[in-house]
Every structure is written in structure tokens, then in C-alpha cells.
Amino acid sequence: MTDIDLSPLKDVHLPVEPSFFPPAVGWWIVTGGICLVLMSLLLLIYFLNRSPKRYALRILKKIERQNADLSTLGVELGVLLKRVALAAFPREKVASLSDTEWADFLLQHGNNALSAEQAKFIASAAYLPKQKAVAIQTEKLYTAVKEWICCVLKKEHQWKTMRKQ
């Protein structure tokens, strides 16, 4: 067999292996799409958690876990319901309400979620002496307040559109 002289090919080199970075354009597009989807999901979760209804229900759960005495409970629920009403209805209509007017407002706008006794208790709890015993079931009160919040804040969008007109 004849020997082939390869000495003239000494200066020919193999090409450099391709590096991992920078990736091809397609990979940039895929990465950007994934980032866009993740950011939109995070924004969606953020804005859903900022809704007044969820915020009010979170505060209600916090009040429920405190296991405060009945008069303190009534005051805290009254403050929470006033805040919910201020978020859902025109300020001029809600801000000045107190005692029996506030109890009537609670009865009128909750689709009968609160009973008359519960509404009167919430409206007058700030004025009752701490020693006065009131016969009211707290579990039913929490349920009624939750229903009232859900009912009123479901209608929130309707009131906001009526305010603009």
C-alpha cells in the first residue's frame, strides 16, 4: 500500500465547537413567552386578592379567630360592615348612619342576610356597656355577616356605574 503524504495539511484546523450561549432566536422567544405567562398569572393573583370582597372576608376570619367578648365583637363587626358599605355605596349615603338608621340600612341592603336582632346588635354594640349580656349566637352572626358582605359587594359594580351617571 502506498503511503500518502499528509504534511501539507498541517495548517488546516477543525472548526470551534458551537457554544451553549447565546442560544438561538427560538429559545429567546420560548423563554420570553414563559416569562410573560408567569407575570400575567402573578398579576392576576395579585388583583384577585385585592378585591374588596376577599379583603373583607379575610378580616372577618381574623375577627372570628380572636374570640373576643361579645361587645368587642359587635364593635369590630360594625366597623367592618361600615367599611364594606363605604366601599359599595356612595359615601354621602352611608357615612353619617348610626344606631337605628345604621341597623335599618343593614337590613335593607343585605337580602335579609342579617336578622333584625343581629342588625340592632351590630349597630348598638359600641354603645352597650361591656357587662350587659346579649343573647346572640356568634356562629349565626358570623354566617349572616359573611352573607351580607357577599351580597353587598356583589352589587358593588352596579353602584359604581350608577355613581358615574
Protein backbone atom coordinates (compact mmCIF):
# COMPACT_ATOMS: atom_id res chain seq x y z
CA MET A 1 0.00 0.00 0.00
CA THR A 2 1.26 3.46 -0.80
CA ASP A 3 1.85 5.99 1.89
CA ILE A 4 0.08 9.29 1.39
CA ASP A 5 1.94 12.39 2.44
CA LEU A 6 -0.30 14.45 4.75
CA SER A 7 2.31 17.03 5.74
CA PRO A 8 0.81 19.83 3.58
CA LEU A 9 -2.42 19.64 5.66
CA LYS A 10 -0.75 20.67 8.95
CA ASP A 11 -2.22 24.20 8.94
CA VAL A 12 -5.85 23.06 8.48
CA HIS A 13 -7.70 23.11 11.83
CA LEU A 14 -11.09 21.82 12.91
CA PRO A 15 -13.77 24.48 13.45
CA VAL A 16 -14.52 25.65 17.02
CA GLU A 17 -17.37 23.76 18.67
CA PRO A 18 -20.51 25.85 19.00
CA SER A 19 -21.03 27.30 22.48
CA PHE A 20 -24.18 26.95 24.56
CA PHE A 21 -24.61 30.71 24.88
CA PRO A 22 -26.10 32.73 23.23
CA PRO A 23 -28.99 30.47 22.35
CA ALA A 24 -30.82 30.61 19.07
CA VAL A 25 -33.65 33.07 18.49
CA GLY A 26 -36.29 30.40 19.01
CA TRP A 27 -35.12 29.77 22.55
CA TRP A 28 -35.34 33.50 23.33
CA ILE A 29 -38.93 33.52 22.09
CA VAL A 30 -39.87 30.45 24.18
CA THR A 31 -38.22 31.94 27.30
CA GLY A 32 -39.96 35.28 26.76
CA GLY A 33 -43.32 33.55 26.34
CA ILE A 34 -42.88 31.60 29.57
CA CYS A 35 -41.91 34.78 31.44
CA LEU A 36 -44.92 36.60 30.00
CA VAL A 37 -47.32 33.85 31.10
CA LEU A 38 -45.83 33.72 34.61
CA MET A 39 -46.02 37.51 35.03
CA SER A 40 -49.63 37.60 33.86
CA LEU A 41 -50.55 34.82 36.33
CA LEU A 42 -48.85 36.68 39.18
CA LEU A 43 -50.69 39.90 38.26
CA LEU A 44 -53.99 38.04 38.07
CA ILE A 45 -53.47 36.52 41.53
CA TYR A 46 -52.43 39.92 42.89
CA PHE A 47 -55.50 41.71 41.57
CA LEU A 48 -57.89 38.95 42.65
CA ASN A 49 -56.56 39.15 46.20
CA ARG A 50 -57.05 42.92 46.21
CA SER A 51 -60.79 42.72 45.70
CA PRO A 52 -62.80 44.34 48.50
CA LYS A 53 -64.89 41.21 48.98
CA ARG A 54 -61.88 38.96 49.60
CA TYR A 55 -60.30 41.58 51.85
CA ALA A 56 -63.46 41.90 53.94
CA LEU A 57 -63.84 38.13 54.26
CA ARG A 58 -60.20 37.87 55.34
CA ILE A 59 -60.79 40.46 58.07
CA LEU A 60 -63.95 38.62 59.14
CA LYS A 61 -61.94 35.40 59.57
CA LYS A 62 -59.38 37.31 61.60
CA ILE A 63 -62.13 38.68 63.86
CA GLU A 64 -63.59 35.19 64.21
CA ARG A 65 -60.23 33.75 65.31
CA GLN A 66 -59.79 36.39 68.02
CA ASN A 67 -62.62 35.02 70.17
CA ALA A 68 -63.25 38.43 71.71
CA ASP A 69 -66.07 39.15 74.14
CA LEU A 70 -69.48 39.95 72.69
CA SER A 71 -69.35 43.74 72.95
CA THR A 72 -65.92 43.92 71.29
CA LEU A 73 -67.13 41.52 68.64
CA GLY A 74 -70.11 43.74 67.89
CA VAL A 75 -67.93 46.83 67.58
CA GLU A 76 -65.43 45.11 65.26
CA LEU A 77 -68.20 43.70 63.07
CA GLY A 78 -69.84 47.12 62.95
CA VAL A 79 -66.59 48.73 61.81
CA LEU A 80 -66.08 46.03 59.18
CA LEU A 81 -69.62 46.36 57.82
CA LYS A 82 -69.31 50.15 57.73
CA ARG A 83 -66.10 49.82 55.70
CA VAL A 84 -67.79 47.39 53.32
CA ALA A 85 -70.77 49.71 52.94
CA LEU A 86 -68.47 52.66 52.24
CA ALA A 87 -66.76 50.61 49.53
CA ALA A 88 -70.03 49.56 47.91
CA PHE A 89 -72.32 52.58 48.30
CA PRO A 90 -71.97 56.35 47.90
CA ARG A 91 -70.19 57.92 50.87
CA GLU A 92 -72.92 60.53 51.36
CA LYS A 93 -75.47 57.78 51.85
CA VAL A 94 -73.51 55.65 54.36
CA ALA A 95 -71.01 57.74 56.33
CA SER A 96 -73.48 59.55 58.56
CA LEU A 97 -75.58 56.49 59.53
CA SER A 98 -75.59 55.37 63.15
CA ASP A 99 -77.69 53.36 65.60
CA THR A 100 -81.23 52.66 64.27
CA GLU A 101 -80.56 54.22 60.85
CA TRP A 102 -77.50 52.00 60.51
CA ALA A 103 -79.47 48.93 61.60
CA ASP A 104 -82.19 49.75 59.05
CA PHE A 105 -79.55 50.17 56.35
CA LEU A 106 -78.06 46.77 57.23
CA LEU A 107 -81.50 45.16 56.99
CA GLN A 108 -82.40 46.84 53.69
CA HIS A 109 -79.24 46.06 51.75
CA GLY A 110 -78.37 42.50 52.63
CA ASN A 111 -81.20 40.49 51.07
CA ASN A 112 -82.27 39.52 54.59
CA ALA A 113 -78.85 38.07 55.44
CA LEU A 114 -78.97 39.70 58.88
CA SER A 115 -81.91 39.34 61.21
CA ALA A 116 -83.35 42.42 62.90
CA GLU A 117 -81.82 41.34 66.22
CA GLN A 118 -78.37 40.89 64.68
CA ALA A 119 -78.51 44.23 62.87
CA LYS A 120 -79.59 46.02 66.05
CA PHE A 121 -76.79 44.32 68.00
CA ILE A 122 -74.14 45.36 65.46
CA ALA A 123 -75.48 48.91 65.25
CA SER A 124 -75.67 49.43 69.01
CA ALA A 125 -72.70 47.35 70.22
CA ALA A 126 -70.48 50.42 70.57
CA TYR A 127 -72.99 52.00 72.96
CA LEU A 128 -73.69 48.97 75.14
CA PRO A 129 -71.92 48.58 78.49
CA LYS A 130 -69.38 45.74 78.40
CA GLN A 131 -71.12 43.94 81.25
CA LYS A 132 -74.51 43.76 79.55
CA ALA A 133 -75.20 40.25 78.37
CA VAL A 134 -76.81 39.90 74.96
CA ALA A 135 -78.29 36.59 73.90
CA ILE A 136 -76.90 36.19 70.40
CA GLN A 137 -75.29 33.19 68.75
CA THR A 138 -71.88 34.11 67.38
CA GLU A 139 -71.74 31.34 64.76
CA LYS A 140 -75.00 32.50 63.21
CA LEU A 141 -73.80 36.10 63.44
CA TYR A 142 -70.58 35.30 61.55
CA THR A 143 -72.52 33.44 58.88
CA ALA A 144 -75.00 36.29 58.50
CA VAL A 145 -72.24 38.91 58.28
CA LYS A 146 -70.43 36.82 55.65
CA GLU A 147 -73.63 36.55 53.59
CA TRP A 148 -74.22 40.30 53.95
CA ILE A 149 -70.70 41.11 52.74
CA CYS A 150 -71.02 38.76 49.77
CA CYS A 151 -74.42 40.13 48.85
CA VAL A 152 -73.46 43.80 49.11
CA LEU A 153 -70.13 43.53 47.33
CA LYS A 154 -71.69 41.51 44.55
CA LYS A 155 -73.77 44.61 43.84
CA GLU A 156 -70.73 46.89 44.11
CA HIS A 157 -70.27 47.10 40.37
CA GLN A 158 -73.88 48.25 39.90
CA TRP A 159 -73.44 51.10 42.39
CA LYS A 160 -70.17 52.27 40.86
CA THR A 161 -71.78 52.53 37.44
CA MET A 162 -74.77 54.39 38.93
CA ARG A 163 -72.42 56.87 40.67
CA LYS A 164 -70.83 57.84 37.34
CA GLN A 165 -74.16 58.71 35.74
